[in-house]
Amino acid sequence: MMDSRICLAAVLLLFGLATVFAQSSPDQVNFQTLIITLSVLGAILIIALMICLFCCCKCENFGSKRTEAKLQKQANKTRTKQEERKAEMNERHNDIRKKYGLSGQNPYSKFA
């Protein structure tokens, strides 16, 4: 996208210079037309460069913030699911301990 804008500006510069030199005779160069044409083309190049820089900076910042937010959201979702699974697992383990009468002190803790 940026390359086409730069190429367009370069083509306009070449056509503008060709038009200026084609309209003037080989012996005499109309400096007023040349100065106006070069000023306009220079302004167009500067504006195109500023637009390209603005688009690049805006797109970089926008993309990174969006990606960062997406990754944060995904991490939060994963963390929440993991906590839910861990709570369910602890509940099942506690039910099994109650079923077999192991809810008190671990009898094997004195061997450790």
PDB file of N, CA and C in Angstrom:
ATOM      1  N   MET A   1       0.827  -1.177   0.000  1.00  0.00           N
ATOM      2  CA  MET A   1       0.000   0.000   0.000  1.00  0.00           C
ATOM      3  C   MET A   1       0.877   1.248   0.000  1.00  0.00           C
ATOM      4  N   MET A   2       1.887   1.272   0.834  1.00  0.00           N
ATOM      5  CA  MET A   2       2.766   2.428   0.896  1.00  0.00           C
ATOM      6  C   MET A   2       3.616   2.512  -0.358  1.00  0.00           C
ATOM      7  N   ASP A   3       4.015   1.362  -0.890  1.00  0.00           N
ATOM      8  CA  ASP A   3       4.855   1.366  -2.075  1.00  0.00           C
ATOM      9  C   ASP A   3       4.139   1.994  -3.255  1.00  0.00           C
ATOM     10  N   SER A   4       2.853   1.751  -3.401  1.00  0.00           N
ATOM     11  CA  SER A   4       2.113   2.331  -4.515  1.00  0.00           C
ATOM     12  C   SER A   4       2.015   3.843  -4.375  1.00  0.00           C
ATOM     13  N   ARG A   5       1.895   4.339  -3.151  1.00  0.00           N
ATOM     14  CA  ARG A   5       1.848   5.787  -2.950  1.00  0.00           C
ATOM     15  C   ARG A   5       3.185   6.421  -3.303  1.00  0.00           C
ATOM     16  N   ILE A   6       4.263   5.789  -2.914  1.00  0.00           N
ATOM     17  CA  ILE A   6       5.588   6.319  -3.215  1.00  0.00           C
ATOM     18  C   ILE A   6       5.834   6.284  -4.715  1.00  0.00           C
ATOM     19  N   CYS A   7       5.449   5.183  -5.356  1.00  0.00           N
ATOM     20  CA  CYS A   7       5.616   5.078  -6.808  1.00  0.00           C
ATOM     21  C   CYS A   7       4.772   6.118  -7.531  1.00  0.00           C
ATOM     22  N   LEU A   8       3.578   6.358  -7.030  1.00  0.00           N
ATOM     23  CA  LEU A   8       2.705   7.362  -7.644  1.00  0.00           C
ATOM     24  C   LEU A   8       3.338   8.740  -7.545  1.00  0.00           C
ATOM     25  N   ALA A   9       3.908   9.054  -6.398  1.00  0.00           N
ATOM     26  CA  ALA A   9       4.561  10.353  -6.237  1.00  0.00           C
ATOM     27  C   ALA A   9       5.753  10.487  -7.177  1.00  0.00           C
ATOM     28  N   ALA A  10       6.528   9.419  -7.327  1.00  0.00           N
ATOM     29  CA  ALA A  10       7.686   9.462  -8.227  1.00  0.00           C
ATOM     30  C   ALA A  10       7.244   9.632  -9.679  1.00  0.00           C
ATOM     31  N   VAL A  11       6.180   8.956 -10.062  1.00  0.00           N
ATOM     32  CA  VAL A  11       5.673   9.082 -11.430  1.00  0.00           C
ATOM     33  C   VAL A  11       5.175  10.498 -11.684  1.00  0.00           C
ATOM     34  N   LEU A  12       4.455  11.070 -10.704  1.00  0.00           N
ATOM     35  CA  LEU A  12       3.990  12.453 -10.842  1.00  0.00           C
ATOM     36  C   LEU A  12       5.153  13.417 -10.983  1.00  0.00           C
ATOM     37  N   LEU A  13       6.215  13.185 -10.236  1.00  0.00           N
ATOM     38  CA  LEU A  13       7.392  14.043 -10.338  1.00  0.00           C
ATOM     39  C   LEU A  13       7.999  13.964 -11.728  1.00  0.00           C
ATOM     40  N   LEU A  14       8.141  12.754 -12.244  1.00  0.00           N
ATOM     41  CA  LEU A  14       8.732  12.594 -13.577  1.00  0.00           C
ATOM     42  C   LEU A  14       7.851  13.221 -14.659  1.00  0.00           C
ATOM     43  N   PHE A  15       6.528  12.998 -14.589  1.00  0.00           N
ATOM     44  CA  PHE A  15       5.634  13.584 -15.587  1.00  0.00           C
ATOM     45  C   PHE A  15       5.604  15.102 -15.481  1.00  0.00           C
ATOM     46  N   GLY A  16       5.674  15.608 -14.250  1.00  0.00           N
ATOM     47  CA  GLY A  16       5.683  17.059 -14.063  1.00  0.00           C
ATOM     48  C   GLY A  16       6.915  17.691 -14.662  1.00  0.00           C
ATOM     49  N   LEU A  17       8.073  17.087 -14.431  1.00  0.00           N
ATOM     50  CA  LEU A  17       9.308  17.615 -15.012  1.00  0.00           C
ATOM     51  C   LEU A  17       9.300  17.482 -16.525  1.00  0.00           C
ATOM     52  N   ALA A  18       8.786  16.363 -17.028  1.00  0.00           N
ATOM     53  CA  ALA A  18       8.725  16.187 -18.480  1.00  0.00           C
ATOM     54  C   ALA A  18       7.807  17.219 -19.112  1.00  0.00           C
ATOM     55  N   THR A  19       6.699  17.523 -18.448  1.00  0.00           N
ATOM     56  CA  THR A  19       5.765  18.528 -18.966  1.00  0.00           C
ATOM     57  C   THR A  19       6.408  19.907 -18.987  1.00  0.00           C
ATOM     58  N   VAL A  20       7.132  20.241 -17.937  1.00  0.00           N
ATOM     59  CA  VAL A  20       7.783  21.556 -17.881  1.00  0.00           C
ATOM     60  C   VAL A  20       8.804  21.698 -18.993  1.00  0.00           C
ATOM     61  N   PHE A  21       9.629  20.671 -19.183  1.00  0.00           N
ATOM     62  CA  PHE A  21      10.660  20.765 -20.208  1.00  0.00           C
ATOM     63  C   PHE A  21      10.101  20.644 -21.617  1.00  0.00           C
ATOM     64  N   ALA A  22       8.977  19.949 -21.774  1.00  0.00           N
ATOM     65  CA  ALA A  22       8.380  19.822 -23.105  1.00  0.00           C
ATOM     66  C   ALA A  22       7.723  21.125 -23.533  1.00  0.00           C
ATOM     67  N   GLN A  23       7.162  21.866 -22.605  1.00  0.00           N
ATOM     68  CA  GLN A  23       6.487  23.113 -22.943  1.00  0.00           C
ATOM     69  C   GLN A  23       7.472  24.232 -23.254  1.00  0.00           C
ATOM     70  N   SER A  24       8.633  24.177 -22.655  1.00  0.00           N
ATOM     71  CA  SER A  24       9.603  25.237 -22.908  1.00  0.00           C
ATOM     72  C   SER A  24      10.484  24.862 -24.086  1.00  0.00           C
ATOM     73  N   SER A  25      11.007  25.868 -24.712  1.00  0.00           N
ATOM     74  CA  SER A  25      11.904  25.610 -25.839  1.00  0.00           C
ATOM     75  C   SER A  25      13.250  25.157 -25.298  1.00  0.00           C
ATOM     76  N   PRO A  26      14.042  24.484 -26.095  1.00  0.00           N
ATOM     77  CA  PRO A  26      15.331  23.980 -25.615  1.00  0.00           C
ATOM     78  C   PRO A  26      16.293  25.092 -25.195  1.00  0.00           C
ATOM     79  N   ASP A  27      16.161  26.258 -25.799  1.00  0.00           N
ATOM     80  CA  ASP A  27      17.078  27.333 -25.470  1.00  0.00           C
ATOM     81  C   ASP A  27      16.642  28.116 -24.234  1.00  0.00           C
ATOM     82  N   GLN A  28      15.357  28.116 -23.975  1.00  0.00           N
ATOM     83  CA  GLN A  28      14.849  28.941 -22.897  1.00  0.00           C
ATOM     84  C   GLN A  28      13.996  28.085 -21.949  1.00  0.00           C
ATOM     85  N   VAL A  29      14.300  28.146 -20.662  1.00  0.00           N
ATOM     86  CA  VAL A  29      13.552  27.405 -19.649  1.00  0.00           C
ATOM     87  C   VAL A  29      12.701  28.414 -18.881  1.00  0.00           C
ATOM     88  N   ASN A  30      11.416  28.144 -18.777  1.00  0.00           N
ATOM     89  CA  ASN A  30      10.524  29.022 -18.034  1.00  0.00           C
ATOM     90  C   ASN A  30      10.686  28.692 -16.553  1.00  0.00           C
ATOM     91  N   PHE A  31      11.482  29.496 -15.872  1.00  0.00           N
ATOM     92  CA  PHE A  31      11.820  29.209 -14.485  1.00  0.00           C
ATOM     93  C   PHE A  31      10.616  29.360 -13.560  1.00  0.00           C
ATOM     94  N   GLN A  32       9.712  30.231 -13.879  1.00  0.00           N
ATOM     95  CA  GLN A  32       8.532  30.409 -13.036  1.00  0.00           C
ATOM     96  C   GLN A  32       7.696  29.117 -13.022  1.00  0.00           C
ATOM     97  N   THR A  33       7.465  28.539 -14.196  1.00  0.00           N
ATOM     98  CA  THR A  33       6.722  27.284 -14.295  1.00  0.00           C
ATOM     99  C   THR A  33       7.480  26.155 -13.617  1.00  0.00           C
ATOM    100  N   LEU A  34       8.783  26.128 -13.794  1.00  0.00           N
ATOM    101  CA  LEU A  34       9.620  25.097 -13.187  1.00  0.00           C
ATOM    102  C   LEU A  34       9.552  25.181 -11.656  1.00  0.00           C
ATOM    103  N   ILE A  35       9.644  26.361 -11.104  1.00  0.00           N
ATOM    104  CA  ILE A  35       9.609  26.531  -9.651  1.00  0.00           C
ATOM    105  C   ILE A  35       8.241  26.138  -9.100  1.00  0.00           C
ATOM    106  N   ILE A  36       7.170  26.553  -9.757  1.00  0.00           N
ATOM    107  CA  ILE A  36       5.828  26.207  -9.296  1.00  0.00           C
ATOM    108  C   ILE A  36       5.618  24.693  -9.348  1.00  0.00           C
ATOM    109  N   THR A  37       6.018  24.084 -10.449  1.00  0.00           N
ATOM    110  CA  THR A  37       5.844  22.633 -10.604  1.00  0.00           C
ATOM    111  C   THR A  37       6.638  21.866  -9.552  1.00  0.00           C
ATOM    112  N   LEU A  38       7.884  22.253  -9.358  1.00  0.00           N
ATOM    113  CA  LEU A  38       8.708  21.555  -8.364  1.00  0.00           C
ATOM    114  C   LEU A  38       8.174  21.785  -6.949  1.00  0.00           C
ATOM    115  N   SER A  39       7.650  22.952  -6.663  1.00  0.00           N
ATOM    116  CA  SER A  39       7.081  23.224  -5.339  1.00  0.00           C
ATOM    117  C   SER A  39       5.853  22.346  -5.086  1.00  0.00           C
ATOM    118  N   VAL A  40       4.995  22.260  -6.097  1.00  0.00           N
ATOM    119  CA  VAL A  40       3.785  21.434  -5.946  1.00  0.00           C
ATOM    120  C   VAL A  40       4.163  19.965  -5.782  1.00  0.00           C
ATOM    121  N   LEU A  41       5.086  19.507  -6.597  1.00  0.00           N
ATOM    122  CA  LEU A  41       5.496  18.103  -6.500  1.00  0.00           C
ATOM    123  C   LEU A  41       6.203  17.824  -5.174  1.00  0.00           C
ATOM    124  N   GLY A  42       7.010  18.757  -4.704  1.00  0.00           N
ATOM    125  CA  GLY A  42       7.656  18.592  -3.399  1.00  0.00           C
ATOM    126  C   GLY A  42       6.628  18.524  -2.280  1.00  0.00           C
ATOM    127  N   ALA A  43       5.614  19.383  -2.355  1.00  0.00           N
ATOM    128  CA  ALA A  43       4.554  19.358  -1.339  1.00  0.00           C
ATOM    129  C   ALA A  43       3.804  18.036  -1.383  1.00  0.00           C
ATOM    130  N   ILE A  44       3.535  17.543  -2.589  1.00  0.00           N
ATOM    131  CA  ILE A  44       2.845  16.255  -2.721  1.00  0.00           C
ATOM    132  C   ILE A  44       3.693  15.136  -2.118  1.00  0.00           C
ATOM    133  N   LEU A  45       4.987  15.155  -2.373  1.00  0.00           N
ATOM    134  CA  LEU A  45       5.872  14.136  -1.803  1.00  0.00           C
ATOM    135  C   LEU A  45       5.907  14.214  -0.283  1.00  0.00           C
ATOM    136  N   ILE A  46       5.981  15.411   0.253  1.00  0.00           N
ATOM    137  CA  ILE A  46       6.023  15.561   1.707  1.00  0.00           C
ATOM    138  C   ILE A  46       4.711  15.086   2.332  1.00  0.00           C
ATOM    139  N   ILE A  47       3.595  15.448   1.728  1.00  0.00           N
ATOM    140  CA  ILE A  47       2.293  15.015   2.248  1.00  0.00           C
ATOM    141  C   ILE A  47       2.163  13.495   2.169  1.00  0.00           C
ATOM    142  N   ALA A  48       2.603  12.903   1.049  1.00  0.00           N
ATOM    143  CA  ALA A  48       2.537  11.441   0.902  1.00  0.00           C
ATOM    144  C   ALA A  48       3.406  10.758   1.951  1.00  0.00           C
ATOM    145  N   LEU A  49       4.587  11.312   2.207  1.00  0.00           N
ATOM    146  CA  LEU A  49       5.480  10.739   3.218  1.00  0.00           C
ATOM    147  C   LEU A  49       4.862  10.839   4.609  1.00  0.00           C
ATOM    148  N   MET A  50       4.249  11.967   4.920  1.00  0.00           N
ATOM    149  CA  MET A  50       3.609  12.126   6.221  1.00  0.00           C
ATOM    150  C   MET A  50       2.438  11.166   6.384  1.00  0.00           C
ATOM    151  N   ILE A  51       1.663  10.974   5.329  1.00  0.00           N
ATOM    152  CA  ILE A  51       0.544  10.029   5.389  1.00  0.00           C
ATOM    153  C   ILE A  51       1.052   8.609   5.611  1.00  0.00           C
ATOM    154  N   CYS A  52       2.119   8.254   4.899  1.00  0.00           N
ATOM    155  CA  CYS A  52       2.687   6.910   5.071  1.00  0.00           C
ATOM    156  C   CYS A  52       3.183   6.700   6.498  1.00  0.00           C
ATOM    157  N   LEU A  53       3.892   7.684   7.038  1.00  0.00           N
ATOM    158  CA  LEU A  53       4.389   7.559   8.404  1.00  0.00           C
ATOM    159  C   LEU A  53       3.246   7.480   9.406  1.00  0.00           C
ATOM    160  N   PHE A  54       2.225   8.287   9.216  1.00  0.00           N
ATOM    161  CA  PHE A  54       1.075   8.259  10.114  1.00  0.00           C
ATOM    162  C   PHE A  54       0.390   6.901  10.074  1.00  0.00           C
ATOM    163  N   CYS A  55       0.193   6.370   8.865  1.00  0.00           N
ATOM    164  CA  CYS A  55      -0.479   5.070   8.735  1.00  0.00           C
ATOM    165  C   CYS A  55       0.351   3.964   9.378  1.00  0.00           C
ATOM    166  N   CYS A  56       1.654   3.993   9.180  1.00  0.00           N
ATOM    167  CA  CYS A  56       2.512   2.962   9.763  1.00  0.00           C
ATOM    168  C   CYS A  56       2.464   3.004  11.281  1.00  0.00           C
ATOM    169  N   CYS A  57       2.589   4.180  11.851  1.00  0.00           N
ATOM    170  CA  CYS A  57       2.580   4.303  13.310  1.00  0.00           C
ATOM    171  C   CYS A  57       1.219   3.931  13.875  1.00  0.00           C
ATOM    172  N   LYS A  58       0.160   4.382  13.234  1.00  0.00           N
ATOM    173  CA  LYS A  58      -1.188   4.101  13.724  1.00  0.00           C
ATOM    174  C   LYS A  58      -1.475   2.610  13.653  1.00  0.00           C
ATOM    175  N   CYS A  59      -1.123   1.981  12.558  1.00  0.00           N
ATOM    176  CA  CYS A  59      -1.401   0.550  12.397  1.00  0.00           C
ATOM    177  C   CYS A  59      -0.573  -0.281  13.366  1.00  0.00           C
ATOM    178  N   GLU A  60       0.679   0.093  13.593  1.00  0.00           N
ATOM    179  CA  GLU A  60       1.507  -0.656  14.533  1.00  0.00           C
ATOM    180  C   GLU A  60       0.921  -0.598  15.931  1.00  0.00           C
ATOM    181  N   ASN A  61       0.584   0.591  16.383  1.00  0.00           N
ATOM    182  CA  ASN A  61       0.051   0.737  17.736  1.00  0.00           C
ATOM    183  C   ASN A  61      -1.301   0.061  17.867  1.00  0.00           C
ATOM    184  N   PHE A  62      -2.143   0.208  16.870  1.00  0.00           N
ATOM    185  CA  PHE A  62      -3.470  -0.388  16.934  1.00  0.00           C
ATOM    186  C   PHE A  62      -3.372  -1.905  16.957  1.00  0.00           C
ATOM    187  N   GLY A  63      -2.528  -2.460  16.107  1.00  0.00           N
ATOM    188  CA  GLY A  63      -2.385  -3.914  16.039  1.00  0.00           C
ATOM    189  C   GLY A  63      -1.827  -4.502  17.313  1.00  0.00           C
ATOM    190  N   SER A  64      -0.822  -3.860  17.886  1.00  0.00           N
ATOM    191  CA  SER A  64      -0.221  -4.412  19.094  1.00  0.00           C
ATOM    192  C   SER A  64      -1.183  -4.337  20.271  1.00  0.00           C
ATOM    193  N   LYS A  65      -1.946  -3.252  20.383  1.00  0.00           N
ATOM    194  CA  LYS A  65      -2.906  -3.141  21.476  1.00  0.00           C
ATOM    195  C   LYS A  65      -4.011  -4.173  21.326  1.00  0.00           C
ATOM    196  N   ARG A  66      -4.458  -4.367  20.100  1.00  0.00           N
ATOM    197  CA  ARG A  66      -5.522  -5.336  19.868  1.00  0.00           C
ATOM    198  C   ARG A  66      -5.029  -6.745  20.166  1.00  0.00           C
ATOM    199  N   THR A  67      -3.831  -7.073  19.709  1.00  0.00           N
ATOM    200  CA  THR A  67      -3.269  -8.399  19.949  1.00  0.00           C
ATOM    201  C   THR A  67      -3.035  -8.615  21.440  1.00  0.00           C
ATOM    202  N   GLU A  68      -2.530  -7.578  22.102  1.00  0.00           N
ATOM    203  CA  GLU A  68      -2.280  -7.682  23.532  1.00  0.00           C
ATOM    204  C   GLU A  68      -3.580  -7.917  24.298  1.00  0.00           C
ATOM    205  N   ALA A  69      -4.624  -7.200  23.935  1.00  0.00           N
ATOM    206  CA  ALA A  69      -5.918  -7.373  24.604  1.00  0.00           C
ATOM    207  C   ALA A  69      -6.471  -8.774  24.355  1.00  0.00           C
ATOM    208  N   LYS A  70      -6.312  -9.258  23.136  1.00  0.00           N
ATOM    209  CA  LYS A  70      -6.799 -10.597  22.795  1.00  0.00           C
ATOM    210  C   LYS A  70      -6.059 -11.663  23.605  1.00  0.00           C
ATOM    211  N   LEU A  71      -4.733 -11.526  23.709  1.00  0.00           N
ATOM    212  CA  LEU A  71      -3.956 -12.494  24.485  1.00  0.00           C
ATOM    213  C   LEU A  71      -4.307 -12.433  25.963  1.00  0.00           C
ATOM    214  N   GLN A  72      -4.525 -11.230  26.481  1.00  0.00           N
ATOM    215  CA  GLN A  72      -4.912 -11.080  27.887  1.00  0.00           C
ATOM    216  C   GLN A  72      -6.258 -11.730  28.160  1.00  0.00           C
ATOM    217  N   LYS A  73      -7.203 -11.529  27.243  1.00  0.00           N
ATOM    218  CA  LYS A  73      -8.533 -12.122  27.395  1.00  0.00           C
ATOM    219  C   LYS A  73      -8.447 -13.642  27.373  1.00  0.00           C
ATOM    220  N   GLN A  74      -7.635 -14.171  26.461  1.00  0.00           N
ATOM    221  CA  GLN A  74      -7.477 -15.614  26.355  1.00  0.00           C
ATOM    222  C   GLN A  74      -6.808 -16.169  27.619  1.00  0.00           C
ATOM    223  N   ALA A  75      -5.824 -15.460  28.155  1.00  0.00           N
ATOM    224  CA  ALA A  75      -5.152 -15.909  29.378  1.00  0.00           C
ATOM    225  C   ALA A  75      -6.121 -15.909  30.556  1.00  0.00           C
ATOM    226  N   ASN A  76      -6.945 -14.881  30.646  1.00  0.00           N
ATOM    227  CA  ASN A  76      -7.935 -14.835  31.726  1.00  0.00           C
ATOM    228  C   ASN A  76      -8.928 -15.983  31.622  1.00  0.00           C
ATOM    229  N   LYS A  77      -9.362 -16.267  30.404  1.00  0.00           N
ATOM    230  CA  LYS A  77     -10.308 -17.368  30.197  1.00  0.00           C
ATOM    231  C   LYS A  77      -9.670 -18.704  30.577  1.00  0.00           C
ATOM    232  N   THR A  78      -8.427 -18.909  30.184  1.00  0.00           N
ATOM    233  CA  THR A  78      -7.723 -20.152  30.509  1.00  0.00           C
ATOM    234  C   THR A  78      -7.533 -20.279  32.016  1.00  0.00           C
ATOM    235  N   ARG A  79      -7.161 -19.180  32.669  1.00  0.00           N
ATOM    236  CA  ARG A  79      -6.952 -19.204  34.115  1.00  0.00           C
ATOM    237  C   ARG A  79      -8.254 -19.538  34.841  1.00  0.00           C
ATOM    238  N   THR A  80      -9.349 -18.964  34.383  1.00  0.00           N
ATOM    239  CA  THR A  80     -10.644 -19.229  35.012  1.00  0.00           C
ATOM    240  C   THR A  80     -11.034 -20.698  34.864  1.00  0.00           C
ATOM    241  N   LYS A  81     -10.860 -21.253  33.660  1.00  0.00           N
ATOM    242  CA  LYS A  81     -11.178 -22.672  33.445  1.00  0.00           C
ATOM    243  C   LYS A  81     -10.309 -23.566  34.317  1.00  0.00           C
ATOM    244  N   GLN A  82      -9.030 -23.210  34.414  1.00  0.00           N
ATOM    245  CA  GLN A  82      -8.111 -24.015  35.215  1.00  0.00           C
ATOM    246  C   GLN A  82      -8.516 -23.991  36.685  1.00  0.00           C
ATOM    247  N   GLU A  83      -8.898 -22.819  37.185  1.00  0.00           N
ATOM    248  CA  GLU A  83      -9.332 -22.725  38.580  1.00  0.00           C
ATOM    249  C   GLU A  83     -10.603 -23.529  38.824  1.00  0.00           C
ATOM    250  N   GLU A  84     -11.526 -23.508  37.865  1.00  0.00           N
ATOM    251  CA  GLU A  84     -12.756 -24.301  37.990  1.00  0.00           C
ATOM    252  C   GLU A  84     -12.440 -25.792  38.021  1.00  0.00           C
ATOM    253  N   ARG A  85     -11.565 -26.239  37.140  1.00  0.00           N
ATOM    254  CA  ARG A  85     -11.183 -27.662  37.114  1.00  0.00           C
ATOM    255  C   ARG A  85     -10.497 -28.068  38.415  1.00  0.00           C
ATOM    256  N   LYS A  86      -9.643 -27.188  38.923  1.00  0.00           N
ATOM    257  CA  LYS A  86      -8.934 -27.489  40.167  1.00  0.00           C
ATOM    258  C   LYS A  86      -9.909 -27.600  41.335  1.00  0.00           C
ATOM    259  N   ALA A  87     -10.903 -26.699  41.383  1.00  0.00           N
ATOM    260  CA  ALA A  87     -11.909 -26.752  42.454  1.00  0.00           C
ATOM    261  C   ALA A  87     -12.732 -28.033  42.357  1.00  0.00           C
ATOM    262  N   GLU A  88     -13.137 -28.423  41.140  1.00  0.00           N
ATOM    263  CA  GLU A  88     -13.889 -29.671  40.951  1.00  0.00           C
ATOM    264  C   GLU A  88     -13.057 -30.873  41.372  1.00  0.00           C
ATOM    265  N   MET A  89     -11.785 -30.870  41.027  1.00  0.00           N
ATOM    266  CA  MET A  89     -10.910 -31.986  41.373  1.00  0.00           C
ATOM    267  C   MET A  89     -10.755 -32.085  42.893  1.00  0.00           C
ATOM    268  N   ASN A  90     -10.563 -30.951  43.551  1.00  0.00           N
ATOM    269  CA  ASN A  90     -10.454 -30.966  45.016  1.00  0.00           C
ATOM    270  C   ASN A  90     -11.748 -31.447  45.656  1.00  0.00           C
ATOM    271  N   GLU A  91     -12.890 -31.061  45.098  1.00  0.00           N
ATOM    272  CA  GLU A  91     -14.180 -31.509  45.619  1.00  0.00           C
ATOM    273  C   GLU A  91     -14.317 -33.030  45.484  1.00  0.00           C
ATOM    274  N   ARG A  92     -13.948 -33.553  44.318  1.00  0.00           N
ATOM    275  CA  ARG A  92     -14.005 -35.017  44.124  1.00  0.00           C
ATOM    276  C   ARG A  92     -13.074 -35.735  45.088  1.00  0.00           C
ATOM    277  N   HIS A  93     -11.868 -35.187  45.280  1.00  0.00           N
ATOM    278  CA  HIS A  93     -10.922 -35.820  46.202  1.00  0.00           C
ATOM    279  C   HIS A  93     -11.456 -35.808  47.630  1.00  0.00           C
ATOM    280  N   ASN A  94     -12.087 -34.685  48.014  1.00  0.00           N
ATOM    281  CA  ASN A  94     -12.665 -34.611  49.364  1.00  0.00           C
ATOM    282  C   ASN A  94     -13.813 -35.604  49.526  1.00  0.00           C
ATOM    283  N   ASP A  95     -14.634 -35.774  48.471  1.00  0.00           N
ATOM    284  CA  ASP A  95     -15.713 -36.767  48.524  1.00  0.00           C
ATOM    285  C   ASP A  95     -15.149 -38.172  48.691  1.00  0.00           C
ATOM    286  N   ILE A  96     -14.094 -38.487  47.982  1.00  0.00           N
ATOM    287  CA  ILE A  96     -13.462 -39.813  48.092  1.00  0.00           C
ATOM    288  C   ILE A  96     -12.877 -39.998  49.483  1.00  0.00           C
ATOM    289  N   ARG A  97     -12.257 -38.957  50.025  1.00  0.00           N
ATOM    290  CA  ARG A  97     -11.702 -39.047  51.381  1.00  0.00           C
ATOM    291  C   ARG A  97     -12.802 -39.305  52.413  1.00  0.00           C
ATOM    292  N   LYS A  98     -13.939 -38.612  52.253  1.00  0.00           N
ATOM    293  CA  LYS A  98     -15.061 -38.820  53.173  1.00  0.00           C
ATOM    294  C   LYS A  98     -15.619 -40.223  53.028  1.00  0.00           C
ATOM    295  N   LYS A  99     -15.706 -40.725  51.787  1.00  0.00           N
ATOM    296  CA  LYS A  99     -16.262 -42.057  51.528  1.00  0.00           C
ATOM    297  C   LYS A  99     -15.434 -43.128  52.219  1.00  0.00           C
ATOM    298  N   TYR A 100     -14.111 -43.011  52.193  1.00  0.00           N
ATOM    299  CA  TYR A 100     -13.243 -44.033  52.769  1.00  0.00           C
ATOM    300  C   TYR A 100     -12.748 -43.663  54.166  1.00  0.00           C
ATOM    301  N   GLY A 101     -13.278 -42.591  54.727  1.00  0.00           N
ATOM    302  CA  GLY A 101     -12.924 -42.229  56.094  1.00  0.00           C
ATOM    303  C   GLY A 101     -11.530 -41.668  56.242  1.00  0.00           C
ATOM    304  N   LEU A 102     -11.044 -40.994  55.255  1.00  0.00           N
ATOM    305  CA  LEU A 102      -9.692 -40.437  55.298  1.00  0.00           C
ATOM    306  C   LEU A 102      -9.705 -38.926  55.510  1.00  0.00           C
ATOM    307  N   SER A 103     -10.820 -38.394  56.017  1.00  0.00           N
ATOM    308  CA  SER A 103     -10.904 -36.942  56.137  1.00  0.00           C
ATOM    309  C   SER A 103     -10.097 -36.405  57.302  1.00  0.00           C
ATOM    310  N   GLY A 104      -9.703 -37.258  58.245  1.00  0.00           N
ATOM    311  CA  GLY A 104      -8.906 -36.823  59.397  1.00  0.00           C
ATOM    312  C   GLY A 104      -7.436 -36.723  59.040  1.00  0.00           C
ATOM    313  N   GLN A 105      -6.612 -36.867  60.087  1.00  0.00           N
ATOM    314  CA  GLN A 105      -5.166 -36.794  59.883  1.00  0.00           C
ATOM    315  C   GLN A 105      -4.694 -38.001  59.094  1.00  0.00           C
ATOM    316  N   ASN A 106      -3.747 -37.793  58.237  1.00  0.00           N
ATOM    317  CA  ASN A 106      -3.203 -38.858  57.399  1.00  0.00           C
ATOM    318  C   ASN A 106      -2.411 -39.837  58.281  1.00  0.00           C
ATOM    319  N   PRO A 107      -2.763 -41.111  58.297  1.00  0.00           N
ATOM    320  CA  PRO A 107      -2.051 -42.064  59.159  1.00  0.00           C
ATOM    321  C   PRO A 107      -0.597 -42.283  58.742  1.00  0.00           C
ATOM    322  N   TYR A 108      -0.267 -41.987  57.513  1.00  0.00           N
ATOM    323  CA  TYR A 108       1.105 -42.192  57.042  1.00  0.00           C
ATOM    324  C   TYR A 108       2.000 -40.995  57.269  1.00  0.00           C
ATOM    325  N   SER A 109       1.453 -39.917  57.835  1.00  0.00           N
ATOM    326  CA  SER A 109       2.246 -38.703  58.014  1.00  0.00           C
ATOM    327  C   SER A 109       3.358 -38.911  59.069  1.00  0.00           C
ATOM    328  N   LYS A 110       3.175 -39.859  60.008  1.00  0.00           N
ATOM    329  CA  LYS A 110       4.198 -40.093  61.006  1.00  0.00           C
ATOM    330  C   LYS A 110       5.415 -40.805  60.440  1.00  0.00           C
ATOM    331  N   PHE A 111       5.287 -41.459  59.276  1.00  0.00           N
ATOM    332  CA  PHE A 111       6.409 -42.132  58.632  1.00  0.00           C
ATOM    333  C   PHE A 111       7.262 -41.190  57.779  1.00  0.00           C
ATOM    334  N   ALA A 112       6.704 -40.079  57.449  1.00  0.00           N
ATOM    335  CA  ALA A 112       7.415 -39.168  56.535  1.00  0.00           C
ATOM    336  C   ALA A 112       8.487 -38.390  57.240  1.00  0.00           C
TER     337      ALA A 112
END
